[in-house]
């Protein structure tokens, strides 16, 4: 009942707050997208339309505020690529055989793209970007806490058996996308309790990935760990913290999880049926991509055409990238891959551009979140997953506020290993400080 009351209060705050500043509505909408109140609290009352209510209020507030500021600065490429991807989804819908199914995919993407546009056009200060980063981390940490509580206290592995919406693999990738951001958010704050809160969320999300027994999630978690170790400031306190986190992660990874992870890299004659079928699915998606290279077979249409290759109707491709290529064609795949990779790359460059420490932290926030996701998404179909888009929005907001696009003469050369300047852990100055 407490969760239901909190949900209604958030609906009220998000709806009314949006009229003054739609970023309040965006924050609540993001919480609902991650926490899924109808999953956690639906038993206590009807919460089916809470996201819709807040979303409409957010868009109304956006219109009342003149649709924000459309000068994107260094985030221009990120925004335009996302808009191009959404346009291609719509064009693919026009050529799809089942318009009802394809239209559902268009609506699904619209629920991601329009909140992204609200955020990138309304972010007007570093403080708001930072608040939004905390929203993502805390909401994900709460979900991970619920999953750990179910496992430790109730003896039920909900993360593996249910995930969040019936799929443990997509749920694992959502958790992976927040582990690195949580760690770098903790590194960038001077408050010990905020740092402990961020690291606690990272540890909970990390353990939840392990509880899902998702091989793709474990691979993404491993890649994220490498990125964090390479990019983090090499100060004794930071190194000690990461060693502690690593030891805890090793302690939490039981033999069953380790065995499951190692099967990802097994030889052909040692792979289980699930791993072998993934390779066959990817091959069939490549065939469809070659046959329909421009617009694909249509959004959400791979499960329909899967039966042509001997798979059951409704079979997913178990790869975001391969399924996107089959459904939207090569152009749609390139646009989506470019959106994520350029956002992460620009975040990395922003982190080593000599920007203020808080801006550097946001660059590392987005890069560490997307690098594990991009790898793990090869193993899971999760086209409507919101979390990586939300993480990308933090990076896009930081890029927008960091100034105009960088010219070729101003770009810093990339030298392989990143050696960031030590991140000063003083308090983040107010936007007007020093004026």
Protein backbone atom coordinates (compact mmCIF):
# COMPACT_ATOMS: atom_id res chain seq x y z
CA UNK A 1 0.00 0.00 0.00
CA UNK A 2 2.88 2.39 0.73
CA UNK A 3 4.20 1.87 -2.79
CA UNK A 4 0.78 2.65 -4.23
CA UNK A 5 0.55 5.88 -2.22
CA UNK A 6 4.04 6.91 -3.34
CA UNK A 7 3.07 6.16 -6.95
CA UNK A 8 0.00 8.41 -6.76
CA UNK A 9 2.04 11.18 -5.12
CA UNK A 10 4.61 10.94 -7.92
CA UNK A 11 1.83 11.15 -10.52
CA UNK A 12 0.53 14.30 -8.84
CA UNK A 13 3.98 15.86 -8.51
CA UNK A 14 4.99 14.96 -12.06
CA UNK A 15 1.74 16.18 -13.61
CA UNK A 16 1.57 19.50 -11.76
CA UNK A 17 5.32 20.06 -11.84
CA UNK A 18 5.36 19.60 -15.62
CA UNK A 19 3.29 22.74 -16.07
CA UNK A 20 6.13 24.79 -14.59
CA UNK A 21 9.02 22.68 -15.89
CA UNK A 22 8.48 19.50 -17.94
CA UNK A 23 11.75 18.11 -16.57
CA UNK A 24 9.83 17.21 -13.41
CA UNK A 25 7.44 15.18 -15.51
CA UNK A 26 10.37 13.64 -17.40
CA UNK A 27 11.95 12.57 -14.10
CA UNK A 28 8.76 10.89 -12.86
CA UNK A 29 8.15 9.33 -16.29
CA UNK A 30 11.67 7.88 -16.16
CA UNK A 31 11.08 6.45 -12.68
CA UNK A 32 7.90 4.73 -13.85
CA UNK A 33 9.65 3.38 -16.97
CA UNK A 34 12.34 1.77 -14.82
CA UNK A 35 10.35 0.71 -11.74
CA UNK A 36 7.14 -0.40 -13.53
CA UNK A 37 4.60 0.35 -10.74
CA UNK A 38 1.99 -1.96 -12.27
CA UNK A 39 4.44 -4.85 -11.72
CA UNK A 40 5.45 -4.01 -8.15
CA UNK A 41 2.28 -2.39 -6.80
CA UNK A 42 -0.47 -3.42 -9.22
CA UNK A 43 -1.92 -5.84 -6.69
CA UNK A 44 -2.85 -2.89 -4.42
CA UNK A 45 -4.86 -0.95 -7.01
CA UNK A 46 -4.99 0.24 -10.60
CA UNK A 47 -1.74 1.86 -11.77
CA UNK A 48 -1.93 0.90 -15.44
CA UNK A 49 -2.09 4.45 -16.83
CA UNK A 50 0.23 6.35 -14.50
CA UNK A 51 2.98 6.69 -17.14
CA UNK A 52 0.42 7.88 -19.70
CA UNK A 53 -0.92 10.54 -17.35
CA UNK A 54 2.53 11.87 -16.52
CA UNK A 55 3.63 11.62 -20.15
CA UNK A 56 0.72 13.71 -21.40
CA UNK A 57 1.31 16.30 -18.67
CA UNK A 58 5.00 16.38 -19.62
CA UNK A 59 4.20 17.07 -23.28
CA UNK A 60 1.63 19.73 -22.34
CA UNK A 61 4.20 21.43 -20.11
CA UNK A 62 6.74 21.18 -22.91
CA UNK A 63 4.36 22.97 -25.28
CA UNK A 64 3.59 25.62 -22.64
CA UNK A 65 7.33 26.25 -22.34
CA UNK A 66 7.71 26.82 -26.07
CA UNK A 67 9.16 23.32 -26.72
CA UNK A 68 12.43 24.30 -25.09
CA UNK A 69 15.72 25.32 -26.68
CA UNK A 70 16.63 23.61 -29.97
CA UNK A 71 20.30 24.60 -30.01
CA UNK A 72 22.01 21.28 -29.33
CA UNK A 73 25.69 22.26 -29.45
CA UNK A 74 27.94 19.20 -29.34
CA UNK A 75 24.90 16.93 -28.99
CA UNK A 76 23.64 17.81 -32.48
CA UNK A 77 24.81 14.55 -34.05
CA UNK A 78 23.27 12.46 -31.27
CA UNK A 79 19.87 14.14 -31.56
CA UNK A 80 19.78 14.07 -35.36
CA UNK A 81 20.77 10.41 -35.46
CA UNK A 82 18.01 9.48 -33.03
CA UNK A 83 15.49 11.48 -35.07
CA UNK A 84 16.69 9.71 -38.22
CA UNK A 85 16.28 6.33 -36.54
CA UNK A 86 12.71 7.16 -35.51
CA UNK A 87 11.92 8.38 -39.01
CA UNK A 88 13.25 5.11 -40.44
CA UNK A 89 11.06 3.11 -38.05
CA UNK A 90 8.07 5.02 -39.42
CA UNK A 91 9.10 4.52 -43.05
CA UNK A 92 9.59 0.82 -42.41
CA UNK A 93 6.10 0.72 -40.89
CA UNK A 94 4.67 2.08 -44.16
CA UNK A 95 6.13 -0.87 -46.10
CA UNK A 96 5.34 -3.55 -43.47
CA UNK A 97 2.92 -6.37 -44.20
CA UNK A 98 1.12 -6.18 -40.84
CA UNK A 99 0.49 -2.50 -40.11
CA UNK A 100 -1.14 -3.18 -36.74
CA UNK A 101 1.97 -4.90 -35.38
CA UNK A 102 4.31 -2.36 -36.96
CA UNK A 103 2.34 0.58 -35.59
CA UNK A 104 2.74 -0.77 -32.06
CA UNK A 105 6.49 -0.60 -32.60
CA UNK A 106 6.23 3.01 -33.81
CA UNK A 107 4.28 3.94 -30.67
CA UNK A 108 6.82 2.10 -28.53
CA UNK A 109 9.69 4.11 -30.02
CA UNK A 110 7.71 7.35 -29.71
CA UNK A 111 7.47 6.74 -25.96
CA UNK A 112 11.26 6.93 -25.89
CA UNK A 113 12.05 9.55 -28.52
CA UNK A 114 9.65 12.26 -27.33
CA UNK A 115 10.82 12.15 -23.67
CA UNK A 116 14.38 12.30 -25.02
CA UNK A 117 13.49 15.44 -26.99
CA UNK A 118 11.83 16.96 -23.93
CA UNK A 119 14.99 16.42 -21.92
CA UNK A 120 17.53 17.60 -24.49
CA UNK A 121 15.53 20.76 -25.32
CA UNK A 122 14.78 21.64 -21.67
CA UNK A 123 18.14 20.94 -20.00
CA UNK A 124 19.48 24.40 -19.23
CA UNK A 125 21.93 23.72 -16.42
CA UNK A 126 24.44 21.11 -15.33
CA UNK A 127 22.50 20.77 -12.09
CA UNK A 128 19.47 19.42 -13.94
CA UNK A 129 21.56 16.90 -15.88
CA UNK A 130 23.01 15.71 -12.60
CA UNK A 131 19.58 15.40 -10.98
CA UNK A 132 18.39 13.33 -13.91
CA UNK A 133 21.45 11.06 -13.62
CA UNK A 134 20.52 10.43 -9.98
CA UNK A 135 16.93 9.63 -10.99
CA UNK A 136 18.16 6.84 -13.28
CA UNK A 137 20.56 5.40 -10.70
CA UNK A 138 18.17 5.52 -7.74
CA UNK A 139 15.22 4.07 -9.66
CA UNK A 140 17.37 1.20 -10.93
CA UNK A 141 18.85 0.70 -7.48
CA UNK A 142 15.35 0.38 -6.00
CA UNK A 143 14.40 -2.29 -8.53
CA UNK A 144 17.64 -4.16 -7.80
CA UNK A 145 16.94 -3.91 -4.07
CA UNK A 146 13.52 -5.52 -4.55
CA UNK A 147 15.08 -8.36 -6.55
CA UNK A 148 17.78 -8.94 -3.94
CA UNK A 149 15.18 -8.86 -1.15
CA UNK A 150 13.11 -11.50 -2.94
CA UNK A 151 16.20 -13.70 -3.33
CA UNK A 152 17.79 -13.28 0.11
CA UNK A 153 14.73 -12.93 2.36
CA UNK A 154 11.97 -14.74 0.49
CA UNK A 155 14.15 -17.38 -1.15
CA UNK A 156 12.72 -16.69 -4.61
CA UNK A 157 14.93 -15.73 -7.54
CA UNK A 158 12.54 -13.27 -9.13
CA UNK A 159 15.26 -11.75 -11.30
CA UNK A 160 15.80 -15.08 -13.08
CA UNK A 161 12.25 -16.42 -13.16
CA UNK A 162 10.39 -13.19 -13.97
CA UNK A 163 12.83 -10.40 -14.75
CA UNK A 164 10.75 -7.26 -14.65
CA UNK A 165 8.31 -7.95 -17.48
CA UNK A 166 8.74 -11.68 -17.87
CA UNK A 167 12.19 -11.60 -19.51
CA UNK A 168 15.34 -12.11 -17.46
CA UNK A 169 17.70 -11.26 -20.34
CA UNK A 170 16.35 -7.80 -21.15
CA UNK A 171 16.17 -7.07 -17.42
CA UNK A 172 19.83 -8.04 -17.04
CA UNK A 173 20.90 -5.64 -19.79
CA UNK A 174 18.92 -2.82 -18.18
CA UNK A 175 20.84 -3.42 -14.94
CA UNK A 176 24.18 -3.59 -16.78
CA UNK A 177 23.57 -0.15 -18.30
CA UNK A 178 23.42 1.40 -14.81
CA UNK A 179 26.36 -0.26 -13.05
CA UNK A 180 29.10 1.95 -14.55
CA UNK A 181 27.05 5.15 -14.30
CA UNK A 182 26.38 4.46 -10.61
CA UNK A 183 30.08 4.04 -9.91
CA UNK A 184 31.13 7.25 -11.68
CA UNK A 185 28.28 9.17 -10.09
CA UNK A 186 29.68 8.06 -6.75
CA UNK A 187 33.21 9.09 -7.71
CA UNK A 188 32.01 12.59 -8.62
CA UNK A 189 30.33 13.52 -5.35
CA UNK A 190 31.98 14.87 -2.21
CA UNK A 191 29.24 13.67 0.15
CA UNK A 192 30.11 10.35 1.79
CA UNK A 193 26.49 9.25 2.08
CA UNK A 194 25.76 10.06 -1.57
CA UNK A 195 28.88 8.15 -2.56
CA UNK A 196 27.79 5.18 -0.44
CA UNK A 197 24.30 5.38 -1.98
CA UNK A 198 25.66 5.37 -5.54
CA UNK A 199 28.10 2.52 -4.86
CA UNK A 200 25.32 0.62 -3.09
CA UNK A 201 23.10 0.94 -6.17
CA UNK A 202 25.98 -0.26 -8.35
CA UNK A 203 26.53 -3.33 -6.16
CA UNK A 204 22.81 -4.16 -6.05
CA UNK A 205 22.50 -3.84 -9.83
CA UNK A 206 25.63 -5.93 -10.29
CA UNK A 207 24.32 -8.74 -8.11
CA UNK A 208 20.94 -8.59 -9.83
CA UNK A 209 22.64 -9.19 -13.19
CA UNK A 210 24.20 -12.31 -11.67
CA UNK A 211 20.85 -13.45 -10.31
CA UNK A 212 19.32 -13.33 -13.81
CA UNK A 213 21.77 -16.00 -15.04
CA UNK A 214 21.81 -14.13 -18.36
CA UNK A 215 24.97 -14.84 -20.33
CA UNK A 216 24.56 -11.63 -22.31
CA UNK A 217 24.16 -9.69 -19.07
CA UNK A 218 27.28 -11.28 -17.58
CA UNK A 219 29.33 -10.49 -20.68
CA UNK A 220 28.12 -6.87 -20.56
CA UNK A 221 28.94 -6.68 -16.87
CA UNK A 222 32.45 -7.97 -17.52
CA UNK A 223 33.03 -5.36 -20.27
CA UNK A 224 31.65 -2.61 -18.02
CA UNK A 225 34.05 -3.63 -15.26
CA UNK A 226 37.02 -3.35 -17.61
CA UNK A 227 35.88 0.11 -18.75
CA UNK A 228 35.48 1.33 -15.18
CA UNK A 229 38.94 0.10 -14.13
CA UNK A 230 40.62 1.69 -17.16
CA UNK A 231 38.84 5.05 -16.93
CA UNK A 232 38.52 5.68 -13.21
CA UNK A 233 40.89 8.20 -11.55
CA UNK A 234 43.93 6.30 -10.22
CA UNK A 235 43.75 7.60 -6.66
CA UNK A 236 44.35 5.29 -3.66
CA UNK A 237 40.85 5.77 -2.28
CA UNK A 238 39.23 5.05 -5.63
CA UNK A 239 41.41 2.01 -6.26
CA UNK A 240 40.59 0.66 -2.79
CA UNK A 241 36.88 1.15 -3.41
CA UNK A 242 37.04 -0.73 -6.73
CA UNK A 243 39.06 -3.56 -5.19
CA UNK A 244 36.40 -3.88 -2.49
CA UNK A 245 33.61 -3.90 -5.08
CA UNK A 246 35.51 -6.49 -7.12
CA UNK A 247 35.97 -8.75 -4.13
CA UNK A 248 32.31 -8.48 -3.23
CA UNK A 249 31.33 -9.25 -6.82
CA UNK A 250 33.61 -12.31 -6.82
CA UNK A 251 32.10 -13.44 -3.52
CA UNK A 252 28.56 -13.03 -4.83
CA UNK A 253 29.27 -14.91 -8.08
CA UNK A 254 28.56 -18.51 -7.17
CA UNK A 255 29.72 -21.59 -9.10
CA UNK A 256 26.44 -21.88 -11.05
CA UNK A 257 26.76 -18.29 -12.34
CA UNK A 258 30.42 -18.86 -13.25
CA UNK A 259 29.59 -22.05 -15.14
CA UNK A 260 26.79 -20.29 -17.01
CA UNK A 261 29.11 -17.42 -17.98
CA UNK A 262 31.83 -19.74 -19.30
CA UNK A 263 29.41 -21.50 -21.66
CA UNK A 264 29.29 -18.27 -23.66
CA UNK A 265 32.80 -19.00 -24.96
CA UNK A 266 32.52 -22.77 -25.26
CA UNK A 267 33.63 -24.66 -28.35
CA UNK A 268 30.98 -25.69 -30.87
CA UNK A 269 30.67 -29.25 -29.59
CA UNK A 270 30.31 -28.00 -25.99
CA UNK A 271 27.66 -25.31 -26.50
CA UNK A 272 24.20 -25.87 -25.08
CA UNK A 273 21.07 -25.74 -27.24
CA UNK A 274 20.35 -22.11 -26.30
CA UNK A 275 23.78 -20.86 -27.38
CA UNK A 276 23.71 -22.82 -30.63
CA UNK A 277 20.22 -21.60 -31.55
CA UNK A 278 21.35 -17.99 -31.13
CA UNK A 279 24.01 -18.41 -33.80
CA UNK A 280 21.45 -19.95 -36.14
CA UNK A 281 19.00 -17.10 -35.45
CA UNK A 282 21.66 -14.50 -36.23
CA UNK A 283 22.46 -16.28 -39.50
CA UNK A 284 18.79 -16.22 -40.50
CA UNK A 285 18.51 -12.52 -39.60
CA UNK A 286 21.51 -11.83 -41.84
CA UNK A 287 19.71 -13.60 -44.69
CA UNK A 288 16.60 -11.43 -44.17
CA UNK A 289 18.79 -8.33 -44.01
CA UNK A 290 20.38 -9.23 -47.34
CA UNK A 291 16.95 -9.80 -48.89
CA UNK A 292 15.46 -6.55 -47.53
CA UNK A 293 18.42 -4.16 -47.10
CA UNK A 294 16.52 -0.84 -47.26
CA UNK A 295 13.43 -0.96 -45.02
CA UNK A 296 13.68 -4.52 -43.72
CA UNK A 297 10.58 -6.66 -43.24
CA UNK A 298 8.96 -4.13 -40.90
CA UNK A 299 9.09 -3.19 -37.20
CA UNK A 300 8.40 -6.15 -34.90
CA UNK A 301 8.13 -8.40 -37.95
CA UNK A 302 11.05 -10.76 -37.35
CA UNK A 303 8.90 -12.86 -34.95
CA UNK A 304 6.35 -13.10 -37.80
CA UNK A 305 8.79 -14.21 -40.50
CA UNK A 306 10.81 -16.46 -38.18
CA UNK A 307 8.55 -19.37 -39.12
CA UNK A 308 9.89 -19.15 -42.69
CA UNK A 309 13.19 -20.44 -41.32
CA UNK A 310 11.67 -23.20 -39.23
CA UNK A 311 11.40 -21.25 -35.96
CA UNK A 312 8.16 -21.03 -33.97
CA UNK A 313 6.00 -17.97 -34.71
CA UNK A 314 6.95 -15.23 -32.23
CA UNK A 315 10.57 -16.34 -31.87
CA UNK A 316 12.88 -13.44 -31.05
CA UNK A 317 16.33 -13.18 -32.63
CA UNK A 318 18.12 -12.80 -29.27
CA UNK A 319 20.18 -9.92 -30.65
CA UNK A 320 19.15 -6.30 -30.76
CA UNK A 321 21.50 -5.57 -33.63
CA UNK A 322 20.62 -8.56 -35.82
CA UNK A 323 16.88 -8.20 -35.24
CA UNK A 324 17.01 -4.46 -35.96
CA UNK A 325 18.81 -5.14 -39.22
CA UNK A 326 16.22 -7.73 -40.25
CA UNK A 327 13.27 -5.49 -39.34
CA UNK A 328 14.52 -2.03 -40.38
CA UNK A 329 17.15 -2.88 -42.95
CA UNK A 330 20.79 -1.86 -43.04
CA UNK A 331 19.99 1.86 -42.83
CA UNK A 332 17.91 1.46 -39.67
CA UNK A 333 20.62 -0.69 -38.09
CA UNK A 334 23.35 1.82 -38.94
CA UNK A 335 21.32 4.70 -37.48
CA UNK A 336 20.72 2.89 -34.18
CA UNK A 337 24.31 1.70 -33.86
CA UNK A 338 25.57 5.19 -34.72
CA UNK A 339 23.32 6.76 -32.08
CA UNK A 340 24.77 4.64 -29.30
CA UNK A 341 28.39 4.52 -30.40
CA UNK A 342 28.72 8.24 -31.16
CA UNK A 343 27.01 9.17 -27.89
CA UNK A 344 29.36 6.94 -25.92
CA UNK A 345 32.42 8.11 -27.89
CA UNK A 346 31.53 11.77 -27.44
CA UNK A 347 31.03 11.12 -23.73
CA UNK A 348 34.52 9.65 -23.54
CA UNK A 349 36.03 12.63 -25.37
CA UNK A 350 34.09 15.00 -23.12
CA UNK A 351 35.60 13.28 -20.09
CA UNK A 352 39.12 14.08 -21.28
CA UNK A 353 38.47 17.52 -22.75
CA UNK A 354 39.56 19.55 -19.74
CA UNK A 355 35.94 20.28 -18.81
CA UNK A 356 34.89 20.86 -15.17
CA UNK A 357 34.95 17.69 -13.01
CA UNK A 358 31.17 17.36 -12.95
CA UNK A 359 31.05 17.46 -16.76
CA UNK A 360 33.84 14.88 -16.95
CA UNK A 361 31.79 12.65 -14.66
CA UNK A 362 28.79 12.87 -16.97
CA UNK A 363 30.99 11.85 -19.91
CA UNK A 364 32.16 8.79 -18.00
CA UNK A 365 28.58 8.16 -16.84
CA UNK A 366 27.33 7.71 -20.39
CA UNK A 367 30.37 5.88 -21.79
CA UNK A 368 30.51 3.31 -18.99
CA UNK A 369 26.78 2.70 -19.29
CA UNK A 370 26.71 2.26 -23.06
CA UNK A 371 29.90 0.24 -23.57
CA UNK A 372 28.55 -2.76 -21.66
CA UNK A 373 25.10 -2.36 -23.18
CA UNK A 374 26.38 -2.28 -26.78
CA UNK A 375 28.22 -5.58 -26.24
CA UNK A 376 25.47 -7.29 -24.25
CA UNK A 377 22.75 -6.24 -26.72
CA UNK A 378 24.27 -8.66 -29.25
CA UNK A 379 22.79 -11.45 -27.11
CA UNK A 380 19.31 -10.08 -26.36
CA UNK A 381 16.37 -8.61 -28.33
CA UNK A 382 15.32 -5.48 -26.42
CA UNK A 383 14.23 -2.90 -28.95
CA UNK A 384 11.93 -1.03 -26.56
CA UNK A 385 14.29 -0.95 -23.57
CA UNK A 386 14.31 2.59 -22.22
CA UNK A 387 17.28 2.63 -19.82
CA UNK A 388 20.11 2.97 -22.40
CA UNK A 389 18.22 5.86 -24.04
CA UNK A 390 17.90 7.55 -20.63
CA UNK A 391 21.64 7.07 -20.01
CA UNK A 392 22.31 8.53 -23.46
CA UNK A 393 20.18 11.55 -22.57
CA UNK A 394 22.52 12.36 -19.67
CA UNK A 395 25.45 12.35 -22.07
CA UNK A 396 23.58 14.39 -24.67
CA UNK A 397 22.59 16.95 -22.04
CA UNK A 398 26.18 17.30 -20.86
CA UNK A 399 27.36 17.68 -24.46
CA UNK A 400 24.75 20.34 -25.19
CA UNK A 401 25.74 22.41 -22.15
CA UNK A 402 29.47 22.03 -22.80
CA UNK A 403 29.38 24.47 -25.70
CA UNK A 404 29.17 24.58 -29.51
CA UNK A 405 30.41 21.72 -31.70
CA UNK A 406 34.17 21.21 -31.60
CA UNK A 407 36.10 22.02 -34.79
CA UNK A 408 38.66 19.62 -36.20
CA UNK A 409 41.47 21.89 -34.98
CA UNK A 410 40.13 21.82 -31.41
CA UNK A 411 39.70 18.05 -31.12
CA UNK A 412 42.12 16.34 -28.78
CA UNK A 413 43.98 13.38 -30.28
CA UNK A 414 43.01 10.00 -28.93
CA UNK A 415 46.04 8.11 -27.65
CA UNK A 416 44.54 4.75 -26.76
CA UNK A 417 44.60 4.43 -22.98
CA UNK A 418 42.70 7.25 -21.37
CA UNK A 419 44.54 9.13 -18.61
CA UNK A 420 41.99 11.40 -17.05
CA UNK A 421 43.07 14.25 -14.82
CA UNK A 422 42.24 13.57 -11.17
CA UNK A 423 38.59 14.35 -10.53
CA UNK A 424 38.35 16.98 -7.82
CA UNK A 425 35.71 15.91 -5.35
CA UNK A 426 34.62 19.38 -4.28
CA UNK A 427 30.97 20.26 -4.40
CA UNK A 428 29.50 20.94 -7.83
CA UNK A 429 29.24 24.73 -8.18
CA UNK A 430 25.91 26.31 -8.87
CA UNK A 431 25.34 27.29 -12.51
CA UNK A 432 25.79 31.01 -11.69
CA UNK A 433 28.74 30.59 -9.34
CA UNK A 434 31.54 33.02 -9.93
CA UNK A 435 29.45 35.47 -11.94
